[in-house]
C-alpha atoms as a PDB file:
ATOM      1  CA  LEU A   1      -7.087 -20.696  -4.503  1.00  0.00           C
ATOM      2  CA  GLU A   2      -5.422 -21.651  -1.099  1.00  0.00           C
ATOM      3  CA  THR A   3      -6.276 -22.152   2.481  1.00  0.00           C
ATOM      4  CA  ILE A   4      -3.890 -20.482   4.863  1.00  0.00           C
ATOM      5  CA  ALA A   5      -3.493 -20.596   8.948  1.00  0.00           C
ATOM      6  CA  VAL A   6      -4.722 -17.425  11.046  1.00  0.00           C
ATOM      7  CA  ASP A   7      -1.704 -16.486  13.360  1.00  0.00           C
ATOM      8  CA  SER A   8      -3.105 -16.410  16.892  1.00  0.00           C
ATOM      9  CA  PRO A   9      -1.698 -13.590  18.928  1.00  0.00           C
ATOM     10  CA  GLU A  10       0.823 -16.145  20.600  1.00  0.00           C
ATOM     11  CA  ARG A  11       2.150 -16.609  16.764  1.00  0.00           C
ATOM     12  CA  VAL A  12       2.444 -13.198  16.173  1.00  0.00           C
ATOM     13  CA  ARG A  13       4.315 -12.585  19.170  1.00  0.00           C
ATOM     14  CA  GLU A  14       6.796 -15.523  18.363  1.00  0.00           C
ATOM     15  CA  VAL A  15       7.359 -14.125  14.613  1.00  0.00           C
ATOM     16  CA  VAL A  16       8.129 -10.287  16.336  1.00  0.00           C
ATOM     17  CA  ALA A  17      10.484 -11.607  18.684  1.00  0.00           C
ATOM     18  CA  ARG A  18      12.458 -13.651  16.095  1.00  0.00           C
ATOM     19  CA  VAL A  19      13.031 -10.813  13.762  1.00  0.00           C
ATOM     20  CA  ARG A  20      13.678  -8.504  16.927  1.00  0.00           C
ATOM     21  CA  ALA A  21      16.739 -10.824  17.534  1.00  0.00           C
ATOM     22  CA  ALA A  22      17.911 -10.646  14.223  1.00  0.00           C
ATOM     23  CA  GLN A  23      17.594  -6.903  13.784  1.00  0.00           C
ATOM     24  CA  PRO A  24      20.844  -5.727  15.663  1.00  0.00           C
ATOM     25  CA  GLU A  25      22.611  -7.718  13.146  1.00  0.00           C
ATOM     26  CA  TRP A  26      20.560  -6.267  10.187  1.00  0.00           C
ATOM     27  CA  GLU A  27      21.182  -2.621  11.450  1.00  0.00           C
ATOM     28  CA  GLY A  28      25.097  -3.231  12.093  1.00  0.00           C
ATOM     29  CA  ILE A  29      26.007  -4.144   8.454  1.00  0.00           C
ATOM     30  CA  GLY A  30      25.168  -0.592   7.457  1.00  0.00           C
ATOM     31  CA  PHE A  31      23.521   0.694   4.761  1.00  0.00           C
ATOM     32  CA  GLU A  32      25.741  -0.864   2.218  1.00  0.00           C
ATOM     33  CA  GLY A  33      25.153  -4.143   3.670  1.00  0.00           C
ATOM     34  CA  ARG A  34      21.248  -3.872   3.323  1.00  0.00           C
ATOM     35  CA  LYS A  35      21.198  -2.370   0.073  1.00  0.00           C
ATOM     36  CA  ARG A  36      23.090  -5.696  -1.228  1.00  0.00           C
ATOM     37  CA  TRP A  37      20.063  -8.002  -0.126  1.00  0.00           C
ATOM     38  CA  LEU A  38      17.654  -5.318  -0.975  1.00  0.00           C
ATOM     39  CA  ASP A  39      19.010  -5.182  -4.484  1.00  0.00           C
ATOM     40  CA  LYS A  40      19.040  -8.979  -4.557  1.00  0.00           C
ATOM     41  CA  LEU A  41      15.002  -8.949  -3.876  1.00  0.00           C
ATOM     42  CA  ARG A  42      14.591  -6.045  -6.595  1.00  0.00           C
ATOM     43  CA  ASP A  43      16.431  -8.607  -9.181  1.00  0.00           C
ATOM     44  CA  TRP A  44      14.335 -11.628  -7.664  1.00  0.00           C
ATOM     45  CA  ILE A  45      11.399  -9.672  -8.460  1.00  0.00           C
ATOM     46  CA  LEU A  46      12.617  -8.734 -11.930  1.00  0.00           C
ATOM     47  CA  ASP A  47      12.966 -12.373 -12.440  1.00  0.00           C
ATOM     48  CA  HIS A  48       9.855 -13.544 -11.349  1.00  0.00           C
ATOM     49  CA  GLN A  49       7.605 -10.633 -12.412  1.00  0.00           C
ATOM     50  CA  ASP A  50       5.141 -12.110 -14.411  1.00  0.00           C
ATOM     51  CA  GLU A  51       4.434 -15.571 -11.624  1.00  0.00           C
ATOM     52  CA  LEU A  52       3.816 -12.651  -9.226  1.00  0.00           C
ATOM     53  CA  ASP A  53       1.587 -10.767 -11.646  1.00  0.00           C
ATOM     54  CA  ASP A  54      -0.513 -13.971 -12.412  1.00  0.00           C
ATOM     55  CA  ARG A  55      -0.804 -14.913  -8.645  1.00  0.00           C
ATOM     56  CA  MET A  56      -2.025 -11.131  -7.843  1.00  0.00           C
ATOM     57  CA  GLN A  57      -4.817 -11.394 -10.726  1.00  0.00           C
ATOM     58  CA  GLU A  58      -5.994 -14.736  -9.227  1.00  0.00           C
ATOM     59  CA  GLU A  59      -6.612 -13.312  -5.689  1.00  0.00           C
ATOM     60  CA  SER A  60      -7.438  -9.762  -6.590  1.00  0.00           C
ATOM     61  CA  GLY A  61      -9.222  -9.748  -9.833  1.00  0.00           C
ATOM     62  CA  LYS A  62      -6.929  -7.468 -11.193  1.00  0.00           C
ATOM     63  CA  VAL A  63      -6.488  -6.659 -14.861  1.00  0.00           C
ATOM     64  CA  ARG A  64      -2.881  -7.077 -16.204  1.00  0.00           C
ATOM     65  CA  ALA A  65      -1.636  -3.403 -16.277  1.00  0.00           C
ATOM     66  CA  ASP A  66      -2.945  -2.660 -12.728  1.00  0.00           C
ATOM     67  CA  ALA A  67      -1.168  -6.222 -11.301  1.00  0.00           C
ATOM     68  CA  ALA A  68       1.633  -5.038 -13.178  1.00  0.00           C
ATOM     69  CA  LEU A  69       2.064  -1.823 -11.639  1.00  0.00           C
ATOM     70  CA  GLU A  70       2.515  -3.270  -8.372  1.00  0.00           C
ATOM     71  CA  ALA A  71       5.662  -4.894  -8.944  1.00  0.00           C
ATOM     72  CA  PHE A  72       7.220  -2.051 -10.962  1.00  0.00           C
ATOM     73  CA  TYR A  73       6.091   0.187  -7.923  1.00  0.00           C
ATOM     74  CA  LEU A  74       8.384  -2.192  -5.728  1.00  0.00           C
ATOM     75  CA  LEU A  75      11.248  -1.962  -8.144  1.00  0.00           C
ATOM     76  CA  GLU A  76      11.229   1.757  -8.110  1.00  0.00           C
ATOM     77  CA  ALA A  77      10.696   2.084  -4.463  1.00  0.00           C
ATOM     78  CA  LEU A  78      13.807  -0.594  -3.671  1.00  0.00           C
ATOM     79  CA  ASN A  79      15.935   1.747  -5.832  1.00  0.00           C
ATOM     80  CA  PHE A  80      14.411   4.992  -4.615  1.00  0.00           C
ATOM     81  CA  TRP A  81      14.861   4.453  -0.603  1.00  0.00           C
ATOM     82  CA  SER A  82      18.398   2.428  -1.285  1.00  0.00           C
ATOM     83  CA  GLU A  83      19.868   5.491  -3.142  1.00  0.00           C
ATOM     84  CA  ARG A  84      18.839   8.236  -0.806  1.00  0.00           C
ATOM     85  CA  GLY A  85      18.368   6.543   2.373  1.00  0.00           C
ATOM     86  CA  PRO A  86      21.934   6.955   3.608  1.00  0.00           C
ATOM     87  CA  ARG A  87      21.938  10.585   2.701  1.00  0.00           C
ATOM     88  CA  TRP A  88      18.649  11.486   4.546  1.00  0.00           C
ATOM     89  CA  LEU A  89      19.348   9.426   7.634  1.00  0.00           C
ATOM     90  CA  ALA A  90      22.948  10.562   8.173  1.00  0.00           C
ATOM     91  CA  ASP A  91      24.519  11.772  11.340  1.00  0.00           C
ATOM     92  CA  GLU A  92      23.601  15.528  11.585  1.00  0.00           C
ATOM     93  CA  ILE A  93      25.841  17.987  13.298  1.00  0.00           C
ATOM     94  CA  VAL A  94      23.803  20.962  14.484  1.00  0.00           C
ATOM     95  CA  PRO A  95      25.933  24.115  15.751  1.00  0.00           C
ATOM     96  CA  ALA A  96      25.207  25.147  19.336  1.00  0.00           C
ATOM     97  CA  HIS A  97      23.680  28.322  19.564  1.00  0.00           C
ATOM     98  CA  GLN A  98      24.017  29.243  23.444  1.00  0.00           C
ATOM     99  CA  PRO A  99      27.090  31.767  23.834  1.00  0.00           C
ATOM    100  CA  LEU A 100      28.832  29.724  26.068  1.00  0.00           C
ATOM    101  CA  LEU A 101      28.733  26.907  23.983  1.00  0.00           C
ATOM    102  CA  ARG A 102      30.063  28.540  20.747  1.00  0.00           C
ATOM    103  CA  ALA A 103      32.818  25.882  20.406  1.00  0.00           C
ATOM    104  CA  ARG A 104      30.573  22.776  20.548  1.00  0.00           C
ATOM    105  CA  ARG A 105      28.320  21.344  18.441  1.00  0.00           C
ATOM    106  CA  ALA A 106      25.483  18.926  18.950  1.00  0.00           C
ATOM    107  CA  LYS A 107      25.276  15.486  16.884  1.00  0.00           C
ATOM    108  CA  ILE A 108      22.156  13.929  15.888  1.00  0.00           C
ATOM    109  CA  VAL A 109      22.449  10.513  15.550  1.00  0.00           C
ATOM    110  CA  TYR A 110      19.453   8.635  13.921  1.00  0.00           C
ATOM    111  CA  ARG A 111      18.494   4.881  14.880  1.00  0.00           C
ATOM    112  CA  PRO A 112      15.644   2.859  13.388  1.00  0.00           C
ATOM    113  CA  PHE A 113      12.749   1.433  15.412  1.00  0.00           C
ATOM    114  CA  PRO A 114      13.870  -2.179  15.906  1.00  0.00           C
ATOM    115  CA  VAL A 115      10.730  -3.608  14.626  1.00  0.00           C
ATOM    116  CA  ALA A 116       8.211  -2.033  12.253  1.00  0.00           C
ATOM    117  CA  GLY A 117       4.704  -3.350  11.531  1.00  0.00           C
ATOM    118  CA  VAL A 118       2.691  -2.951   8.466  1.00  0.00           C
ATOM    119  CA  ILE A 119      -1.022  -3.595   8.647  1.00  0.00           C
ATOM    120  CA  SER A 120      -2.133  -3.331   4.903  1.00  0.00           C
ATOM    121  CA  PRO A 121      -5.436  -3.307   2.596  1.00  0.00           C
ATOM    122  CA  TRP A 122      -6.502  -5.604  -0.319  1.00  0.00           C
ATOM    123  CA  ASN A 123      -6.611  -3.035  -2.971  1.00  0.00           C
ATOM    124  CA  PHE A 124      -2.786  -2.640  -3.502  1.00  0.00           C
ATOM    125  CA  PRO A 125      -1.614  -6.021  -2.219  1.00  0.00           C
ATOM    126  CA  LEU A 126       2.086  -5.184  -2.539  1.00  0.00           C
ATOM    127  CA  ILE A 127       2.465  -1.403  -2.891  1.00  0.00           C
ATOM    128  CA  LEU A 128       0.596  -0.676   0.537  1.00  0.00           C
ATOM    129  CA  SER A 129       2.285  -3.506   2.366  1.00  0.00           C
ATOM    130  CA  LEU A 130       5.788  -4.204   1.462  1.00  0.00           C
ATOM    131  CA  GLY A 131       5.900  -0.867  -0.536  1.00  0.00           C
ATOM    132  CA  ASP A 132       5.429   1.007   2.527  1.00  0.00           C
ATOM    133  CA  GLY A 133       7.609  -1.346   4.643  1.00  0.00           C
ATOM    134  CA  ILE A 134      11.173  -1.001   2.100  1.00  0.00           C
ATOM    135  CA  PRO A 135      12.136   2.372   3.920  1.00  0.00           C
ATOM    136  CA  ALA A 136      11.921   0.637   7.408  1.00  0.00           C
ATOM    137  CA  LEU A 137      14.064  -2.312   5.997  1.00  0.00           C
ATOM    138  CA  VAL A 138      16.498   0.209   4.311  1.00  0.00           C
ATOM    139  CA  ALA A 139      16.756   2.166   7.609  1.00  0.00           C
ATOM    140  CA  GLY A 140      17.603  -1.032   9.419  1.00  0.00           C
ATOM    141  CA  SER A 141      14.138  -2.181  11.063  1.00  0.00           C
ATOM    142  CA  ALA A 142      12.900  -5.406  11.199  1.00  0.00           C
ATOM    143  CA  LEU A 143       9.657  -5.749   9.511  1.00  0.00           C
ATOM    144  CA  VAL A 144       6.439  -7.744  10.119  1.00  0.00           C
ATOM    145  CA  ILE A 145       3.456  -7.140   7.720  1.00  0.00           C
ATOM    146  CA  LYS A 146      -0.269  -8.252   8.488  1.00  0.00           C
ATOM    147  CA  PRO A 147      -1.601  -8.276   4.604  1.00  0.00           C
ATOM    148  CA  SER A 148      -5.514  -8.268   4.230  1.00  0.00           C
ATOM    149  CA  GLU A 149      -7.110 -11.361   4.592  1.00  0.00           C
ATOM    150  CA  PHE A 150      -8.545 -11.202   1.041  1.00  0.00           C
ATOM    151  CA  THR A 151      -5.134 -10.634  -0.553  1.00  0.00           C
ATOM    152  CA  PRO A 152      -2.252 -12.372   1.448  1.00  0.00           C
ATOM    153  CA  LEU A 153      -0.975 -14.941  -1.336  1.00  0.00           C
ATOM    154  CA  THR A 154       1.252 -12.590  -3.232  1.00  0.00           C
ATOM    155  CA  LEU A 155       2.806 -10.936  -0.628  1.00  0.00           C
ATOM    156  CA  MET A 156       3.663 -14.476   1.367  1.00  0.00           C
ATOM    157  CA  GLU A 157       5.511 -15.262  -2.014  1.00  0.00           C
ATOM    158  CA  LEU A 158       7.765 -12.812  -1.799  1.00  0.00           C
ATOM    159  CA  ALA A 159       8.327 -13.147   1.986  1.00  0.00           C
ATOM    160  CA  ARG A 160       9.137 -16.819   1.067  1.00  0.00           C
ATOM    161  CA  ALA A 161      11.545 -15.922  -1.675  1.00  0.00           C
ATOM    162  CA  TRP A 162      13.346 -13.517   0.856  1.00  0.00           C
ATOM    163  CA  LYS A 163      13.827 -16.538   3.422  1.00  0.00           C
ATOM    164  CA  GLU A 164      14.312 -19.614   1.145  1.00  0.00           C
ATOM    165  CA  ASP A 165      15.529 -18.553  -2.539  1.00  0.00           C
ATOM    166  CA  LEU A 166      17.500 -15.695  -1.196  1.00  0.00           C
ATOM    167  CA  GLY A 167      18.665 -16.643   2.085  1.00  0.00           C
ATOM    168  CA  ALA A 168      18.485 -13.071   3.261  1.00  0.00           C
ATOM    169  CA  PRO A 169      18.589 -12.095   7.043  1.00  0.00           C
ATOM    170  CA  ASP A 170      15.443 -13.056   9.073  1.00  0.00           C
ATOM    171  CA  VAL A 171      14.117  -9.450   9.148  1.00  0.00           C
ATOM    172  CA  PHE A 172      11.088  -9.762   7.139  1.00  0.00           C
ATOM    173  CA  ASP A 173       7.800 -11.748   7.690  1.00  0.00           C
ATOM    174  CA  VAL A 174       4.000 -11.948   7.411  1.00  0.00           C
ATOM    175  CA  VAL A 175       1.297 -12.920   9.769  1.00  0.00           C
ATOM    176  CA  ASN A 176      -2.199 -13.645   8.775  1.00  0.00           C
ATOM    177  CA  GLY A 177      -5.292 -13.226  10.174  1.00  0.00           C
ATOM    178  CA  THR A 178      -8.231 -10.879  10.689  1.00  0.00           C
ATOM    179  CA  GLY A 179      -8.557  -7.988  13.686  1.00  0.00           C
ATOM    180  CA  GLU A 180      -7.213 -10.170  16.424  1.00  0.00           C
ATOM    181  CA  THR A 181      -4.169 -10.765  14.537  1.00  0.00           C
ATOM    182  CA  GLY A 182      -3.718  -7.036  13.736  1.00  0.00           C
ATOM    183  CA  GLY A 183      -4.548  -6.026  17.028  1.00  0.00           C
ATOM    184  CA  ALA A 184      -1.604  -8.308  18.584  1.00  0.00           C
ATOM    185  CA  LEU A 185       0.721  -6.876  15.607  1.00  0.00           C
ATOM    186  CA  VAL A 186       0.227  -3.733  17.218  1.00  0.00           C
ATOM    187  CA  ASP A 187       0.818  -4.720  21.082  1.00  0.00           C
ATOM    188  CA  GLU A 188       4.277  -6.090  19.767  1.00  0.00           C
ATOM    189  CA  CYS A 189       5.893  -3.765  17.561  1.00  0.00           C
ATOM    190  CA  ASP A 190       7.998  -0.538  17.918  1.00  0.00           C
ATOM    191  CA  PHE A 191       6.281   1.436  15.135  1.00  0.00           C
ATOM    192  CA  ILE A 192       2.924   0.704  13.333  1.00  0.00           C
ATOM    193  CA  GLN A 193       1.826   1.288   9.649  1.00  0.00           C
ATOM    194  CA  PHE A 194      -2.130   1.085   8.982  1.00  0.00           C
ATOM    195  CA  THR A 195      -3.581   1.887   5.539  1.00  0.00           C
ATOM    196  CA  GLY A 196      -7.551   1.580   5.532  1.00  0.00           C
ATOM    197  CA  SER A 197     -10.680   3.003   6.547  1.00  0.00           C
ATOM    198  CA  GLU A 198     -10.931   5.554   9.373  1.00  0.00           C
ATOM    199  CA  ARG A 199     -13.056   3.096  11.421  1.00  0.00           C
ATOM    200  CA  THR A 200     -10.334   0.974  11.633  1.00  0.00           C
ATOM    201  CA  GLY A 201      -7.554   3.783  12.242  1.00  0.00           C
ATOM    202  CA  LYS A 202      -9.210   4.774  15.109  1.00  0.00           C
ATOM    203  CA  ILE A 203      -9.465   1.210  16.313  1.00  0.00           C
ATOM    204  CA  VAL A 204      -5.633   0.861  15.867  1.00  0.00           C
ATOM    205  CA  MET A 205      -4.741   4.094  17.076  1.00  0.00           C
ATOM    206  CA  LYS A 206      -6.595   3.416  20.323  1.00  0.00           C
ATOM    207  CA  ARG A 207      -4.843   0.210  20.727  1.00  0.00           C
ATOM    208  CA  ALA A 208      -1.245   1.742  20.040  1.00  0.00           C
ATOM    209  CA  ALA A 209      -1.996   4.404  22.752  1.00  0.00           C
ATOM    210  CA  ASP A 210      -1.663   1.406  25.363  1.00  0.00           C
ATOM    211  CA  THR A 211       2.092   0.974  24.532  1.00  0.00           C
ATOM    212  CA  LEU A 212       2.613   4.572  23.349  1.00  0.00           C
ATOM    213  CA  THR A 213       3.648   2.847  20.203  1.00  0.00           C
ATOM    214  CA  PRO A 214       3.965   5.516  17.280  1.00  0.00           C
ATOM    215  CA  VAL A 215       1.414   5.286  14.496  1.00  0.00           C
ATOM    216  CA  SER A 216       1.109   6.164  10.775  1.00  0.00           C
ATOM    217  CA  LEU A 217      -2.430   6.397   9.606  1.00  0.00           C
ATOM    218  CA  GLU A 218      -3.722   6.290   6.008  1.00  0.00           C
ATOM    219  CA  LEU A 219      -7.109   6.546   5.564  1.00  0.00           C
ATOM    220  CA  GLY A 220      -9.627   6.793   3.150  1.00  0.00           C
ATOM    221  CA  GLY A 221     -11.812  10.191   2.295  1.00  0.00           C
ATOM    222  CA  LYS A 222     -14.276  11.343   0.043  1.00  0.00           C
ATOM    223  CA  ASP A 223     -12.628  12.706  -3.035  1.00  0.00           C
ATOM    224  CA  PRO A 224     -14.085  15.431  -5.454  1.00  0.00           C
ATOM    225  CA  MET A 225     -12.958  16.488  -8.950  1.00  0.00           C
ATOM    226  CA  ILE A 226     -14.000  20.230  -9.674  1.00  0.00           C
ATOM    227  CA  VAL A 227     -14.429  21.145 -13.322  1.00  0.00           C
ATOM    228  CA  THR A 228     -14.613  24.820 -14.009  1.00  0.00           C
ATOM    229  CA  LYS A 229     -16.330  26.057 -17.304  1.00  0.00           C
ATOM    230  CA  ASP A 230     -12.968  27.386 -18.456  1.00  0.00           C
ATOM    231  CA  ALA A 231     -11.395  23.675 -18.250  1.00  0.00           C
ATOM    232  CA  ASP A 232     -10.367  21.502 -21.602  1.00  0.00           C
ATOM    233  CA  VAL A 233     -13.497  19.553 -21.312  1.00  0.00           C
ATOM    234  CA  ASP A 234     -11.924  16.620 -23.272  1.00  0.00           C
ATOM    235  CA  ARG A 235      -8.780  16.274 -20.810  1.00  0.00           C
ATOM    236  CA  ALA A 236     -11.374  16.614 -17.852  1.00  0.00           C
ATOM    237  CA  ALA A 237     -13.334  13.667 -19.023  1.00  0.00           C
ATOM    238  CA  ASN A 238     -10.307  11.785 -19.508  1.00  0.00           C
ATOM    239  CA  ALA A 239      -9.183  12.323 -16.257  1.00  0.00           C
ATOM    240  CA  ALA A 240     -12.506  11.604 -14.642  1.00  0.00           C
ATOM    241  CA  CYS A 241     -12.693   8.708 -16.236  1.00  0.00           C
ATOM    242  CA  PHE A 242      -9.017   7.358 -15.761  1.00  0.00           C
ATOM    243  CA  GLY A 243      -9.485   8.953 -12.028  1.00  0.00           C
ATOM    244  CA  GLY A 244     -12.650   6.915 -11.115  1.00  0.00           C
ATOM    245  CA  PHE A 245     -11.944   3.772 -12.927  1.00  0.00           C
ATOM    246  CA  LEU A 246      -8.381   2.945 -12.415  1.00  0.00           C
ATOM    247  CA  ASN A 247      -7.891  -0.313 -10.483  1.00  0.00           C
ATOM    248  CA  THR A 248     -11.904  -1.121 -11.018  1.00  0.00           C
ATOM    249  CA  GLY A 249     -12.408   1.983  -8.690  1.00  0.00           C
ATOM    250  CA  GLN A 250     -10.882   0.380  -5.732  1.00  0.00           C
ATOM    251  CA  ILE A 251      -8.333   3.203  -4.737  1.00  0.00           C
ATOM    252  CA  CYS A 252      -8.492   5.627  -1.446  1.00  0.00           C
ATOM    253  CA  LEU A 253      -7.958   8.564  -3.497  1.00  0.00           C
ATOM    254  CA  SER A 254     -10.016   7.471  -6.408  1.00  0.00           C
ATOM    255  CA  ILE A 255     -12.396  10.313  -7.735  1.00  0.00           C
ATOM    256  CA  GLU A 256     -15.885   9.648  -6.109  1.00  0.00           C
ATOM    257  CA  ARG A 257     -17.751  12.703  -7.347  1.00  0.00           C
ATOM    258  CA  VAL A 258     -17.335  15.358  -9.642  1.00  0.00           C
ATOM    259  CA  TYR A 259     -18.930  18.875  -9.460  1.00  0.00           C
ATOM    260  CA  VAL A 260     -19.062  20.661 -12.860  1.00  0.00           C
ATOM    261  CA  GLU A 261     -20.072  24.454 -14.126  1.00  0.00           C
ATOM    262  CA  GLU A 262     -23.211  24.354 -15.387  1.00  0.00           C
ATOM    263  CA  PRO A 263     -22.396  25.937 -18.833  1.00  0.00           C
ATOM    264  CA  ILE A 264     -19.992  22.616 -19.741  1.00  0.00           C
ATOM    265  CA  TYR A 265     -22.309  20.195 -17.764  1.00  0.00           C
ATOM    266  CA  ASP A 266     -23.933  18.764 -20.622  1.00  0.00           C
ATOM    267  CA  VAL A 267     -20.840  18.305 -22.947  1.00  0.00           C
ATOM    268  CA  PHE A 268     -18.478  17.040 -20.035  1.00  0.00           C
ATOM    269  CA  VAL A 269     -21.141  14.171 -19.020  1.00  0.00           C
ATOM    270  CA  GLY A 270     -21.632  13.471 -22.630  1.00  0.00           C
ATOM    271  CA  LYS A 271     -17.956  12.778 -23.015  1.00  0.00           C
ATOM    272  CA  LEU A 272     -17.533  11.141 -19.675  1.00  0.00           C
ATOM    273  CA  LYS A 273     -20.358   8.419 -20.712  1.00  0.00           C
ATOM    274  CA  ALA A 274     -18.511   8.095 -24.227  1.00  0.00           C
ATOM    275  CA  ASN A 275     -15.209   7.455 -22.456  1.00  0.00           C
ATOM    276  CA  VAL A 276     -16.907   4.769 -19.572  1.00  0.00           C
ATOM    277  CA  GLU A 277     -18.405   2.676 -22.374  1.00  0.00           C
ATOM    278  CA  LYS A 278     -15.069   2.397 -24.416  1.00  0.00           C
ATOM    279  CA  LEU A 279     -13.761   0.696 -21.186  1.00  0.00           C
ATOM    280  CA  ARG A 280     -13.099  -2.993 -21.705  1.00  0.00           C
ATOM    281  CA  GLN A 281     -13.796  -5.404 -19.097  1.00  0.00           C
ATOM    282  CA  GLY A 282     -12.716  -8.703 -18.062  1.00  0.00           C
ATOM    283  CA  ALA A 283     -10.141 -11.206 -16.671  1.00  0.00           C
ATOM    284  CA  ASP A 284      -7.643 -10.804 -19.611  1.00  0.00           C
ATOM    285  CA  GLY A 285      -4.604 -13.087 -18.213  1.00  0.00           C
ATOM    286  CA  ARG A 286      -1.341 -11.622 -19.580  1.00  0.00           C
ATOM    287  CA  SER A 287      -2.782 -10.248 -22.825  1.00  0.00           C
ATOM    288  CA  TYR A 288      -3.077  -6.404 -21.143  1.00  0.00           C
ATOM    289  CA  SER A 289      -6.625  -6.313 -23.103  1.00  0.00           C
ATOM    290  CA  ALA A 290      -8.760  -4.960 -20.592  1.00  0.00           C
ATOM    291  CA  GLU A 291      -9.176  -1.666 -18.501  1.00  0.00           C
ATOM    292  CA  LEU A 292     -11.402  -3.214 -15.448  1.00  0.00           C
ATOM    293  CA  GLY A 293     -11.238  -6.075 -13.881  1.00  0.00           C
ATOM    294  CA  ALA A 294     -13.381  -7.789 -10.996  1.00  0.00           C
ATOM    295  CA  MET A 295     -13.958  -6.372  -7.696  1.00  0.00           C
ATOM    296  CA  THR A 296     -12.040  -8.067  -5.160  1.00  0.00           C
ATOM    297  CA  SER A 297     -14.410  -9.277  -2.664  1.00  0.00           C
ATOM    298  CA  PRO A 298     -18.316  -9.806  -2.248  1.00  0.00           C
ATOM    299  CA  ASN A 299     -18.311  -7.125   0.623  1.00  0.00           C
ATOM    300  CA  GLN A 300     -16.919  -4.488  -2.154  1.00  0.00           C
ATOM    301  CA  ILE A 301     -19.896  -5.762  -4.728  1.00  0.00           C
ATOM    302  CA  GLU A 302     -22.451  -4.868  -1.935  1.00  0.00           C
ATOM    303  CA  ILE A 303     -20.765  -1.438  -0.693  1.00  0.00           C
ATOM    304  CA  VAL A 304     -20.946  -0.398  -4.502  1.00  0.00           C
ATOM    305  CA  SER A 305     -24.397  -1.726  -5.253  1.00  0.00           C
ATOM    306  CA  ASP A 306     -25.529   0.193  -2.453  1.00  0.00           C
ATOM    307  CA  HIS A 307     -24.206   3.435  -3.326  1.00  0.00           C
ATOM    308  CA  VAL A 308     -25.622   2.812  -6.855  1.00  0.00           C
ATOM    309  CA  GLU A 309     -28.933   2.346  -5.288  1.00  0.00           C
ATOM    310  CA  ASP A 310     -29.059   4.987  -2.900  1.00  0.00           C
ATOM    311  CA  ALA A 311     -28.260   7.363  -5.749  1.00  0.00           C
ATOM    312  CA  ARG A 312     -31.119   5.753  -7.850  1.00  0.00           C
ATOM    313  CA  ARG A 313     -33.757   6.369  -4.853  1.00  0.00           C
ATOM    314  CA  ALA A 314     -32.269   9.775  -4.689  1.00  0.00           C
ATOM    315  CA  GLY A 315     -33.177  10.883  -8.225  1.00  0.00           C
ATOM    316  CA  ALA A 316     -29.834  10.086  -9.885  1.00  0.00           C
ATOM    317  CA  ARG A 317     -30.286   9.310 -13.743  1.00  0.00           C
ATOM    318  CA  ILE A 318     -28.230   6.122 -14.895  1.00  0.00           C
ATOM    319  CA  LEU A 319     -26.664   6.724 -18.094  1.00  0.00           C
ATOM    320  CA  THR A 320     -24.932   3.597 -18.809  1.00  0.00           C
ATOM    321  CA  GLY A 321     -24.253   0.361 -16.749  1.00  0.00           C
ATOM    322  CA  GLY A 322     -26.362   0.215 -13.521  1.00  0.00           C
END
C-alpha cells in the first residue's frame, strides 16, 4: 500500500518537544476553545468517512461494517468527551474538616498532563489510538500516538487532516516504528496509555518506572462464556457467534472459550455450528455484504492456526471449517 519511515528516538524527541511547546496555548484556550477545534475534526470525519473506511479496509482486512464502526466511535467519543469534560474536570471546592478551619474551604484545580502518549494495537487502528487520546485533547493535553506498525495509515490520514486541512493547533501527531520507537515515546511523555499484550505491557511499565511516568495498561485476557442449562439457547448461541467472530475474532475481549452445562450441550453446539456456517467471509468493499474479513497479519494467522492444531492434537473435533 505504502512505505513509511521508521521514526528514530531522536525524531520522537523532536515531535514530543514540538507539541509540548504548543500545549500551554492549547490548555489556555479553555474547554470551549478546544471544543471548537474538536468539532471541526468531527465534521471532517463525517465528510470523509467513506475514504477513511476504504483505507482501513485496505490496511487491516476488515469488512465494511467493522471498519465503519471505528469512525462512528470517534464521532461519538468527540461529542461525549467534549460535552462532559468541562463538568468532570471543573474546579472543586472541598469543605475543610478540621475544627479550626471551619471557615475555610480547599479548592482542587485539575491540570492536564502536558503530553500524553498512546501506544496502540492493530486490531482497532482508530478506536484504540485517537479514540483513547480524545479525552486527553479535551482536557488540554498534547497528544502523540505510536500506532501499530501493521496499521498506521488511517490514523496518519487523520493527523494529516488535523494539521493541513483544518490548520489546527500543533498538539496532535503520530510517530511510527516498532519497539524502539515506542520505548522512546515512553521516555518523552508525561503519561502513557498502552493497549496490547501482557508481555509488552510489562515492558512498557518497567520503562516508565525509570521516569515515574504514570501508565494506563489495557491488556489481553482469556475470556470465557458460561452457558447454564436454564439459558435461552438461541440467544446464547447468537451471542457466542457474535462475541467470538466480530472483527474476525481479533478483539482482546472476544469470546475465546465456552463452558456449557451438559443437559443443553448438544443443542447449543448444533445451533452455534449453524450460525457459524451462515457467516459470509470476503473483501466486501463498500457493500456491507460480509461478516468476516481477513486476518490482519501473517503473525495472527500463525497464532490462530497453532491454536487450532493444538486443540486438534488434544482431541478436539473440528465441526466446521478447520
